[in-house]
Amino acid sequence: MARRLWFERQTFLVVQEDRLTVNGEVDATIRYEDFRLLDDPQPRLSSAKGLADPPLLRPFKISLEDGHGQGSVQVTFHEILANQVVKPEELGQVS
């Protein structure tokens, strides 16, 4: 699958993504908006020098549109919790 990405000039965040067909036509467009810092209590360590990486921004609004104008979906997050531990029983599995 080929993709075409648009970056915001100052932050280098991906703000739009086109997914292309083998013929180069737009099959779907995804737009990312409302970037916010997550409350992540665990600092991420850079593997290169052992220093903490800057916190990541995540999009709280994602819009998807079919390349042929047949449909669209908009997802808005009110809260995103990073790296939460998921127990087997929460997945319907008992160990």
PDB file of N, CA and C in Angstrom:
ATOM      1  N   MET A   1       0.844  -1.171   0.000  1.00  0.00           N
ATOM      2  CA  MET A   1       0.000   0.000   0.000  1.00  0.00           C
ATOM      3  C   MET A   1       0.895   1.242   0.000  1.00  0.00           C
ATOM      4  N   ALA A   2       0.608   2.143  -0.886  1.00  0.00           N
ATOM      5  CA  ALA A   2       1.350   3.402  -0.958  1.00  0.00           C
ATOM      6  C   ALA A   2       0.605   4.468  -0.166  1.00  0.00           C
ATOM      7  N   ARG A   3       1.366   5.360   0.432  1.00  0.00           N
ATOM      8  CA  ARG A   3       0.778   6.450   1.211  1.00  0.00           C
ATOM      9  C   ARG A   3       1.432   7.770   0.842  1.00  0.00           C
ATOM     10  N   ARG A   4       0.659   8.830   0.991  1.00  0.00           N
ATOM     11  CA  ARG A   4       1.176  10.185   0.811  1.00  0.00           C
ATOM     12  C   ARG A   4       0.883  10.912   2.128  1.00  0.00           C
ATOM     13  N   LEU A   5       1.929  11.495   2.731  1.00  0.00           N
ATOM     14  CA  LEU A   5       1.795  12.125   4.037  1.00  0.00           C
ATOM     15  C   LEU A   5       1.993  13.632   3.965  1.00  0.00           C
ATOM     16  N   TRP A   6       1.241  14.364   4.791  1.00  0.00           N
ATOM     17  CA  TRP A   6       1.419  15.803   4.954  1.00  0.00           C
ATOM     18  C   TRP A   6       1.865  16.046   6.390  1.00  0.00           C
ATOM     19  N   PHE A   7       2.902  16.879   6.526  1.00  0.00           N
ATOM     20  CA  PHE A   7       3.437  17.214   7.840  1.00  0.00           C
ATOM     21  C   PHE A   7       3.179  18.682   8.147  1.00  0.00           C
ATOM     22  N   GLU A   8       2.945  18.993   9.434  1.00  0.00           N
ATOM     23  CA  GLU A   8       2.848  20.374   9.882  1.00  0.00           C
ATOM     24  C   GLU A   8       4.266  20.911   9.935  1.00  0.00           C
ATOM     25  N   ARG A   9       4.503  22.087   9.377  1.00  0.00           N
ATOM     26  CA  ARG A   9       5.861  22.607   9.184  1.00  0.00           C
ATOM     27  C   ARG A   9       6.664  22.793  10.464  1.00  0.00           C
ATOM     28  N   GLN A  10       6.051  23.286  11.518  1.00  0.00           N
ATOM     29  CA  GLN A  10       6.815  23.617  12.716  1.00  0.00           C
ATOM     30  C   GLN A  10       6.994  22.437  13.663  1.00  0.00           C
ATOM     31  N   THR A  11       6.014  21.547  13.725  1.00  0.00           N
ATOM     32  CA  THR A  11       6.081  20.428  14.676  1.00  0.00           C
ATOM     33  C   THR A  11       6.433  19.100  14.014  1.00  0.00           C
ATOM     34  N   PHE A  12       6.356  19.033  12.695  1.00  0.00           N
ATOM     35  CA  PHE A  12       6.579  17.812  11.919  1.00  0.00           C
ATOM     36  C   PHE A  12       5.573  16.702  12.243  1.00  0.00           C
ATOM     37  N   LEU A  13       4.421  17.074  12.770  1.00  0.00           N
ATOM     38  CA  LEU A  13       3.371  16.100  13.031  1.00  0.00           C
ATOM     39  C   LEU A  13       2.661  15.754  11.727  1.00  0.00           C
ATOM     40  N   VAL A  14       2.296  14.494  11.559  1.00  0.00           N
ATOM     41  CA  VAL A  14       1.523  14.075  10.389  1.00  0.00           C
ATOM     42  C   VAL A  14       0.095  14.569  10.585  1.00  0.00           C
ATOM     43  N   VAL A  15      -0.387  15.415   9.677  1.00  0.00           N
ATOM     44  CA  VAL A  15      -1.728  15.980   9.789  1.00  0.00           C
ATOM     45  C   VAL A  15      -2.700  15.416   8.754  1.00  0.00           C
ATOM     46  N   GLN A  16      -2.166  14.746   7.737  1.00  0.00           N
ATOM     47  CA  GLN A  16      -3.028  14.113   6.742  1.00  0.00           C
ATOM     48  C   GLN A  16      -2.280  12.958   6.096  1.00  0.00           C
ATOM     49  N   GLU A  17      -3.061  11.939   5.758  1.00  0.00           N
ATOM     50  CA  GLU A  17      -2.500  10.764   5.096  1.00  0.00           C
ATOM     51  C   GLU A  17      -3.467  10.321   4.007  1.00  0.00           C
ATOM     52  N   ASP A  18      -2.958  10.166   2.807  1.00  0.00           N
ATOM     53  CA  ASP A  18      -3.751   9.587   1.717  1.00  0.00           C
ATOM     54  C   ASP A  18      -3.256   8.167   1.492  1.00  0.00           C
ATOM     55  N   ARG A  19      -4.177   7.249   1.429  1.00  0.00           N
ATOM     56  CA  ARG A  19      -3.829   5.873   1.070  1.00  0.00           C
ATOM     57  C   ARG A  19      -4.171   5.711  -0.403  1.00  0.00           C
ATOM     58  N   LEU A  20      -3.185   5.273  -1.166  1.00  0.00           N
ATOM     59  CA  LEU A  20      -3.311   5.248  -2.619  1.00  0.00           C
ATOM     60  C   LEU A  20      -3.483   3.828  -3.147  1.00  0.00           C
ATOM     61  N   THR A  21      -4.218   3.719  -4.240  1.00  0.00           N
ATOM     62  CA  THR A  21      -4.369   2.435  -4.922  1.00  0.00           C
ATOM     63  C   THR A  21      -3.100   2.162  -5.723  1.00  0.00           C
ATOM     64  N   VAL A  22      -3.007   0.983  -6.326  1.00  0.00           N
ATOM     65  CA  VAL A  22      -1.841   0.662  -7.153  1.00  0.00           C
ATOM     66  C   VAL A  22      -1.734   1.585  -8.360  1.00  0.00           C
ATOM     67  N   ASN A  23      -2.860   2.212  -8.760  1.00  0.00           N
ATOM     68  CA  ASN A  23      -2.867   3.163  -9.869  1.00  0.00           C
ATOM     69  C   ASN A  23      -2.542   4.588  -9.428  1.00  0.00           C
ATOM     70  N   GLY A  24      -2.321   4.792  -8.122  1.00  0.00           N
ATOM     71  CA  GLY A  24      -1.999   6.117  -7.615  1.00  0.00           C
ATOM     72  C   GLY A  24      -3.196   6.981  -7.288  1.00  0.00           C
ATOM     73  N   GLU A  25      -4.401   6.406  -7.354  1.00  0.00           N
ATOM     74  CA  GLU A  25      -5.613   7.155  -7.013  1.00  0.00           C
ATOM     75  C   GLU A  25      -5.824   7.115  -5.506  1.00  0.00           C
ATOM     76  N   VAL A  26      -6.431   8.169  -4.964  1.00  0.00           N
ATOM     77  CA  VAL A  26      -6.693   8.224  -3.524  1.00  0.00           C
ATOM     78  C   VAL A  26      -7.820   7.257  -3.183  1.00  0.00           C
ATOM     79  N   ASP A  27      -7.507   6.280  -2.339  1.00  0.00           N
ATOM     80  CA  ASP A  27      -8.486   5.301  -1.878  1.00  0.00           C
ATOM     81  C   ASP A  27      -9.170   5.786  -0.601  1.00  0.00           C
ATOM     82  N   ALA A  28      -8.402   6.489   0.258  1.00  0.00           N
ATOM     83  CA  ALA A  28      -8.949   7.031   1.503  1.00  0.00           C
ATOM     84  C   ALA A  28      -8.047   8.160   1.991  1.00  0.00           C
ATOM     85  N   THR A  29      -8.660   9.102   2.704  1.00  0.00           N
ATOM     86  CA  THR A  29      -7.923  10.216   3.294  1.00  0.00           C
ATOM     87  C   THR A  29      -8.184  10.227   4.795  1.00  0.00           C
ATOM     88  N   ILE A  30      -7.114  10.376   5.567  1.00  0.00           N
ATOM     89  CA  ILE A  30      -7.216  10.446   7.023  1.00  0.00           C
ATOM     90  C   ILE A  30      -6.614  11.773   7.455  1.00  0.00           C
ATOM     91  N   ARG A  31      -7.362  12.531   8.263  1.00  0.00           N
ATOM     92  CA  ARG A  31      -6.871  13.802   8.785  1.00  0.00           C
ATOM     93  C   ARG A  31      -6.741  13.698  10.300  1.00  0.00           C
ATOM     94  N   TYR A  32      -5.635  14.215  10.829  1.00  0.00           N
ATOM     95  CA  TYR A  32      -5.351  14.181  12.257  1.00  0.00           C
ATOM     96  C   TYR A  32      -5.349  15.615  12.779  1.00  0.00           C
ATOM     97  N   GLU A  33      -6.111  15.874  13.864  1.00  0.00           N
ATOM     98  CA  GLU A  33      -6.243  17.233  14.403  1.00  0.00           C
ATOM     99  C   GLU A  33      -6.243  17.212  15.930  1.00  0.00           C
ATOM    100  N   ASP A  34      -6.229  18.380  16.506  1.00  0.00           N
ATOM    101  CA  ASP A  34      -6.334  18.579  17.954  1.00  0.00           C
ATOM    102  C   ASP A  34      -5.287  17.752  18.709  1.00  0.00           C
ATOM    103  N   PHE A  35      -4.027  18.005  18.409  1.00  0.00           N
ATOM    104  CA  PHE A  35      -2.929  17.279  19.051  1.00  0.00           C
ATOM    105  C   PHE A  35      -2.744  17.775  20.485  1.00  0.00           C
ATOM    106  N   ARG A  36      -2.603  16.808  21.412  1.00  0.00           N
ATOM    107  CA  ARG A  36      -2.412  17.145  22.826  1.00  0.00           C
ATOM    108  C   ARG A  36      -1.371  16.224  23.443  1.00  0.00           C
ATOM    109  N   LEU A  37      -0.757  16.729  24.517  1.00  0.00           N
ATOM    110  CA  LEU A  37       0.156  15.897  25.298  1.00  0.00           C
ATOM    111  C   LEU A  37      -0.651  14.899  26.113  1.00  0.00           C
ATOM    112  N   LEU A  38      -0.113  13.697  26.258  1.00  0.00           N
ATOM    113  CA  LEU A  38      -0.753  12.702  27.111  1.00  0.00           C
ATOM    114  C   LEU A  38      -0.163  12.770  28.504  1.00  0.00           C
ATOM    115  N   ASP A  39      -0.974  12.468  29.500  1.00  0.00           N
ATOM    116  CA  ASP A  39      -0.474  12.369  30.867  1.00  0.00           C
ATOM    117  C   ASP A  39       0.158  11.001  31.026  1.00  0.00           C
ATOM    118  N   ASP A  40       1.446  10.909  30.719  1.00  0.00           N
ATOM    119  CA  ASP A  40       2.172   9.646  30.789  1.00  0.00           C
ATOM    120  C   ASP A  40       3.156   9.730  31.950  1.00  0.00           C
ATOM    121  N   PRO A  41       2.905   9.025  33.045  1.00  0.00           N
ATOM    122  CA  PRO A  41       3.779   9.136  34.208  1.00  0.00           C
ATOM    123  C   PRO A  41       5.155   8.505  34.018  1.00  0.00           C
ATOM    124  N   GLN A  42       5.301   7.657  33.009  1.00  0.00           N
ATOM    125  CA  GLN A  42       6.579   6.985  32.784  1.00  0.00           C
ATOM    126  C   GLN A  42       7.336   7.675  31.650  1.00  0.00           C
ATOM    127  N   PRO A  43       8.531   8.249  31.947  1.00  0.00           N
ATOM    128  CA  PRO A  43       9.306   8.864  30.864  1.00  0.00           C
ATOM    129  C   PRO A  43       9.828   7.805  29.908  1.00  0.00           C
ATOM    130  N   ARG A  44       9.807   8.127  28.635  1.00  0.00           N
ATOM    131  CA  ARG A  44      10.324   7.214  27.621  1.00  0.00           C
ATOM    132  C   ARG A  44      11.819   7.450  27.478  1.00  0.00           C
ATOM    133  N   LEU A  45      12.601   6.386  27.497  1.00  0.00           N
ATOM    134  CA  LEU A  45      14.045   6.531  27.375  1.00  0.00           C
ATOM    135  C   LEU A  45      14.485   6.304  25.946  1.00  0.00           C
ATOM    136  N   SER A  46      15.349   7.164  25.480  1.00  0.00           N
ATOM    137  CA  SER A  46      15.925   7.023  24.151  1.00  0.00           C
ATOM    138  C   SER A  46      16.945   5.896  24.196  1.00  0.00           C
ATOM    139  N   SER A  47      16.897   4.993  23.263  1.00  0.00           N
ATOM    140  CA  SER A  47      17.839   3.871  23.250  1.00  0.00           C
ATOM    141  C   SER A  47      19.247   4.327  22.888  1.00  0.00           C
ATOM    142  N   ALA A  48      19.364   5.488  22.243  1.00  0.00           N
ATOM    143  CA  ALA A  48      20.675   5.938  21.784  1.00  0.00           C
ATOM    144  C   ALA A  48      21.577   6.401  22.923  1.00  0.00           C
ATOM    145  N   LYS A  49      21.068   7.244  23.798  1.00  0.00           N
ATOM    146  CA  LYS A  49      21.930   7.833  24.821  1.00  0.00           C
ATOM    147  C   LYS A  49      21.399   7.652  26.232  1.00  0.00           C
ATOM    148  N   GLY A  50      20.280   6.958  26.401  1.00  0.00           N
ATOM    149  CA  GLY A  50      19.721   6.776  27.724  1.00  0.00           C
ATOM    150  C   GLY A  50      19.049   8.022  28.283  1.00  0.00           C
ATOM    151  N   LEU A  51      18.786   9.014  27.441  1.00  0.00           N
ATOM    152  CA  LEU A  51      18.138  10.246  27.874  1.00  0.00           C
ATOM    153  C   LEU A  51      16.641  10.157  27.622  1.00  0.00           C
ATOM    154  N   ALA A  52      15.883  10.903  28.392  1.00  0.00           N
ATOM    155  CA  ALA A  52      14.432  10.902  28.213  1.00  0.00           C
ATOM    156  C   ALA A  52      14.062  11.632  26.926  1.00  0.00           C
ATOM    157  N   ASP A  53      13.211  11.002  26.117  1.00  0.00           N
ATOM    158  CA  ASP A  53      12.700  11.635  24.902  1.00  0.00           C
ATOM    159  C   ASP A  53      11.629  12.652  25.275  1.00  0.00           C
ATOM    160  N   PRO A  54      11.410  13.653  24.435  1.00  0.00           N
ATOM    161  CA  PRO A  54      10.315  14.592  24.714  1.00  0.00           C
ATOM    162  C   PRO A  54       8.979  13.852  24.627  1.00  0.00           C
ATOM    163  N   PRO A  55       7.969  14.304  25.354  1.00  0.00           N
ATOM    164  CA  PRO A  55       6.668  13.631  25.324  1.00  0.00           C
ATOM    165  C   PRO A  55       6.039  13.714  23.933  1.00  0.00           C
ATOM    166  N   LEU A  56       5.259  12.709  23.602  1.00  0.00           N
ATOM    167  CA  LEU A  56       4.605  12.666  22.296  1.00  0.00           C
ATOM    168  C   LEU A  56       3.235  13.330  22.350  1.00  0.00           C
ATOM    169  N   LEU A  57       2.878  13.957  21.261  1.00  0.00           N
ATOM    170  CA  LEU A  57       1.544  14.505  21.087  1.00  0.00           C
ATOM    171  C   LEU A  57       0.705  13.475  20.347  1.00  0.00           C
ATOM    172  N   ARG A  58      -0.556  13.377  20.701  1.00  0.00           N
ATOM    173  CA  ARG A  58      -1.476  12.453  20.037  1.00  0.00           C
ATOM    174  C   ARG A  58      -2.673  13.231  19.503  1.00  0.00           C
ATOM    175  N   PRO A  59      -3.206  12.821  18.338  1.00  0.00           N
ATOM    176  CA  PRO A  59      -4.395  13.504  17.816  1.00  0.00           C
ATOM    177  C   PRO A  59      -5.643  13.059  18.571  1.00  0.00           C
ATOM    178  N   PHE A  60      -6.444  14.012  19.011  1.00  0.00           N
ATOM    179  CA  PHE A  60      -7.691  13.697  19.700  1.00  0.00           C
ATOM    180  C   PHE A  60      -8.886  13.741  18.743  1.00  0.00           C
ATOM    181  N   LYS A  61      -8.642  14.134  17.498  1.00  0.00           N
ATOM    182  CA  LYS A  61      -9.696  14.104  16.472  1.00  0.00           C
ATOM    183  C   LYS A  61      -9.102  13.492  15.205  1.00  0.00           C
ATOM    184  N   ILE A  62      -9.758  12.445  14.710  1.00  0.00           N
ATOM    185  CA  ILE A  62      -9.323  11.761  13.493  1.00  0.00           C
ATOM    186  C   ILE A  62     -10.527  11.654  12.559  1.00  0.00           C
ATOM    187  N   SER A  63     -10.348  12.119  11.321  1.00  0.00           N
ATOM    188  CA  SER A  63     -11.411  12.064  10.320  1.00  0.00           C
ATOM    189  C   SER A  63     -10.954  11.180   9.169  1.00  0.00           C
ATOM    190  N   LEU A  64     -11.809  10.260   8.774  1.00  0.00           N
ATOM    191  CA  LEU A  64     -11.522   9.358   7.668  1.00  0.00           C
ATOM    192  C   LEU A  64     -12.566   9.564   6.578  1.00  0.00           C
ATOM    193  N   GLU A  65     -12.108   9.623   5.334  1.00  0.00           N
ATOM    194  CA  GLU A  65     -13.027   9.820   4.217  1.00  0.00           C
ATOM    195  C   GLU A  65     -12.669   8.880   3.088  1.00  0.00           C
ATOM    196  N   ASP A  66     -13.678   8.235   2.557  1.00  0.00           N
ATOM    197  CA  ASP A  66     -13.507   7.358   1.405  1.00  0.00           C
ATOM    198  C   ASP A  66     -13.062   8.187   0.213  1.00  0.00           C
ATOM    199  N   GLY A  67     -12.129   7.682  -0.586  1.00  0.00           N
ATOM    200  CA  GLY A  67     -11.604   8.420  -1.721  1.00  0.00           C
ATOM    201  C   GLY A  67     -12.612   8.678  -2.821  1.00  0.00           C
ATOM    202  N   HIS A  68     -13.735   7.973  -2.784  1.00  0.00           N
ATOM    203  CA  HIS A  68     -14.760   8.137  -3.812  1.00  0.00           C
ATOM    204  C   HIS A  68     -15.956   8.941  -3.305  1.00  0.00           C
ATOM    205  N   GLY A  69     -15.827   9.498  -2.085  1.00  0.00           N
ATOM    206  CA  GLY A  69     -16.917  10.295  -1.522  1.00  0.00           C
ATOM    207  C   GLY A  69     -18.102   9.476  -1.071  1.00  0.00           C
ATOM    208  N   GLN A  70     -17.905   8.185  -0.855  1.00  0.00           N
ATOM    209  CA  GLN A  70     -19.014   7.305  -0.488  1.00  0.00           C
ATOM    210  C   GLN A  70     -19.318   7.298   1.013  1.00  0.00           C
ATOM    211  N   GLY A  71     -18.374   7.742   1.832  1.00  0.00           N
ATOM    212  CA  GLY A  71     -18.627   7.731   3.273  1.00  0.00           C
ATOM    213  C   GLY A  71     -17.503   8.386   4.039  1.00  0.00           C
ATOM    214  N   SER A  72     -17.807   8.705   5.296  1.00  0.00           N
ATOM    215  CA  SER A  72     -16.796   9.301   6.157  1.00  0.00           C
ATOM    216  C   SER A  72     -17.089   8.945   7.605  1.00  0.00           C
ATOM    217  N   VAL A  73     -16.038   9.038   8.426  1.00  0.00           N
ATOM    218  CA  VAL A  73     -16.148   8.757   9.854  1.00  0.00           C
ATOM    219  C   VAL A  73     -15.300   9.792  10.580  1.00  0.00           C
ATOM    220  N   GLN A  74     -15.817  10.287  11.692  1.00  0.00           N
ATOM    221  CA  GLN A  74     -15.037  11.193  12.530  1.00  0.00           C
ATOM    222  C   GLN A  74     -14.993  10.610  13.933  1.00  0.00           C
ATOM    223  N   VAL A  75     -13.783  10.485  14.488  1.00  0.00           N
ATOM    224  CA  VAL A  75     -13.587   9.952  15.832  1.00  0.00           C
ATOM    225  C   VAL A  75     -12.989  11.057  16.684  1.00  0.00           C
ATOM    226  N   THR A  76     -13.624  11.341  17.823  1.00  0.00           N
ATOM    227  CA  THR A  76     -13.121  12.341  18.758  1.00  0.00           C
ATOM    228  C   THR A  76     -12.900  11.663  20.103  1.00  0.00           C
ATOM    229  N   PHE A  77     -11.680  11.753  20.605  1.00  0.00           N
ATOM    230  CA  PHE A  77     -11.341  11.165  21.891  1.00  0.00           C
ATOM    231  C   PHE A  77     -11.481  12.222  22.981  1.00  0.00           C
ATOM    232  N   HIS A  78     -12.040  11.835  24.100  1.00  0.00           N
ATOM    233  CA  HIS A  78     -12.129  12.730  25.248  1.00  0.00           C
ATOM    234  C   HIS A  78     -10.958  12.485  26.189  1.00  0.00           C
ATOM    235  N   GLU A  79     -10.430  11.260  26.150  1.00  0.00           N
ATOM    236  CA  GLU A  79      -9.306  10.893  26.996  1.00  0.00           C
ATOM    237  C   GLU A  79      -8.541   9.755  26.330  1.00  0.00           C
ATOM    238  N   ILE A  80      -7.228   9.822  26.377  1.00  0.00           N
ATOM    239  CA  ILE A  80      -6.378   8.740  25.884  1.00  0.00           C
ATOM    240  C   ILE A  80      -5.425   8.377  27.008  1.00  0.00           C
ATOM    241  N   LEU A  81      -5.435   7.108  27.393  1.00  0.00           N
ATOM    242  CA  LEU A  81      -4.543   6.619  28.442  1.00  0.00           C
ATOM    243  C   LEU A  81      -3.493   5.735  27.790  1.00  0.00           C
ATOM    244  N   ALA A  82      -2.246   6.129  27.913  1.00  0.00           N
ATOM    245  CA  ALA A  82      -1.153   5.402  27.262  1.00  0.00           C
ATOM    246  C   ALA A  82      -0.646   4.267  28.146  1.00  0.00           C
ATOM    247  N   ASN A  83      -0.256   3.172  27.504  1.00  0.00           N
ATOM    248  CA  ASN A  83       0.448   2.060  28.150  1.00  0.00           C
ATOM    249  C   ASN A  83      -0.270   1.500  29.362  1.00  0.00           C
ATOM    250  N   GLN A  84      -1.570   1.322  29.262  1.00  0.00           N
ATOM    251  CA  GLN A  84      -2.340   0.735  30.350  1.00  0.00           C
ATOM    252  C   GLN A  84      -2.164  -0.780  30.354  1.00  0.00           C
ATOM    253  N   VAL A  85      -2.061  -1.361  31.532  1.00  0.00           N
ATOM    254  CA  VAL A  85      -1.940  -2.811  31.666  1.00  0.00           C
ATOM    255  C   VAL A  85      -3.319  -3.422  31.454  1.00  0.00           C
ATOM    256  N   VAL A  86      -3.403  -4.399  30.571  1.00  0.00           N
ATOM    257  CA  VAL A  86      -4.658  -5.085  30.296  1.00  0.00           C
ATOM    258  C   VAL A  86      -4.535  -6.499  30.845  1.00  0.00           C
ATOM    259  N   LYS A  87      -5.451  -6.864  31.730  1.00  0.00           N
ATOM    260  CA  LYS A  87      -5.452  -8.186  32.351  1.00  0.00           C
ATOM    261  C   LYS A  87      -6.172  -9.174  31.440  1.00  0.00           C
ATOM    262  N   PRO A  88      -5.771 -10.450  31.457  1.00  0.00           N
ATOM    263  CA  PRO A  88      -6.432 -11.452  30.590  1.00  0.00           C
ATOM    264  C   PRO A  88      -7.945 -11.495  30.769  1.00  0.00           C
ATOM    265  N   GLU A  89      -8.447 -11.338  32.007  1.00  0.00           N
ATOM    266  CA  GLU A  89      -9.892 -11.393  32.230  1.00  0.00           C
ATOM    267  C   GLU A  89     -10.621 -10.221  31.601  1.00  0.00           C
ATOM    268  N   GLU A  90      -9.929  -9.103  31.364  1.00  0.00           N
ATOM    269  CA  GLU A  90     -10.539  -7.965  30.691  1.00  0.00           C
ATOM    270  C   GLU A  90     -10.709  -8.223  29.192  1.00  0.00           C
ATOM    271  N   LEU A  91      -9.983  -9.181  28.679  1.00  0.00           N
ATOM    272  CA  LEU A  91     -10.093  -9.570  27.276  1.00  0.00           C
ATOM    273  C   LEU A  91     -10.996 -10.771  27.076  1.00  0.00           C
ATOM    274  N   GLY A  92     -11.639 -11.209  28.176  1.00  0.00           N
ATOM    275  CA  GLY A  92     -12.515 -12.366  28.089  1.00  0.00           C
ATOM    276  C   GLY A  92     -11.746 -13.673  28.146  1.00  0.00           C
ATOM    277  N   GLN A  93     -10.475 -13.617  28.548  1.00  0.00           N
ATOM    278  CA  GLN A  93      -9.647 -14.810  28.659  1.00  0.00           C
ATOM    279  C   GLN A  93      -9.307 -15.039  30.126  1.00  0.00           C
ATOM    280  N   VAL A  94      -9.433 -16.249  30.571  1.00  0.00           N
ATOM    281  CA  VAL A  94      -9.075 -16.590  31.934  1.00  0.00           C
ATOM    282  C   VAL A  94      -7.883 -17.519  31.869  1.00  0.00           C
ATOM    283  N   SER A  95      -6.829 -17.164  32.611  1.00  0.00           N
ATOM    284  CA  SER A  95      -5.633 -18.024  32.570  1.00  0.00           C
ATOM    285  C   SER A  95      -5.616 -19.020  33.692  1.00  0.00           C
TER     286      SER A  95
END
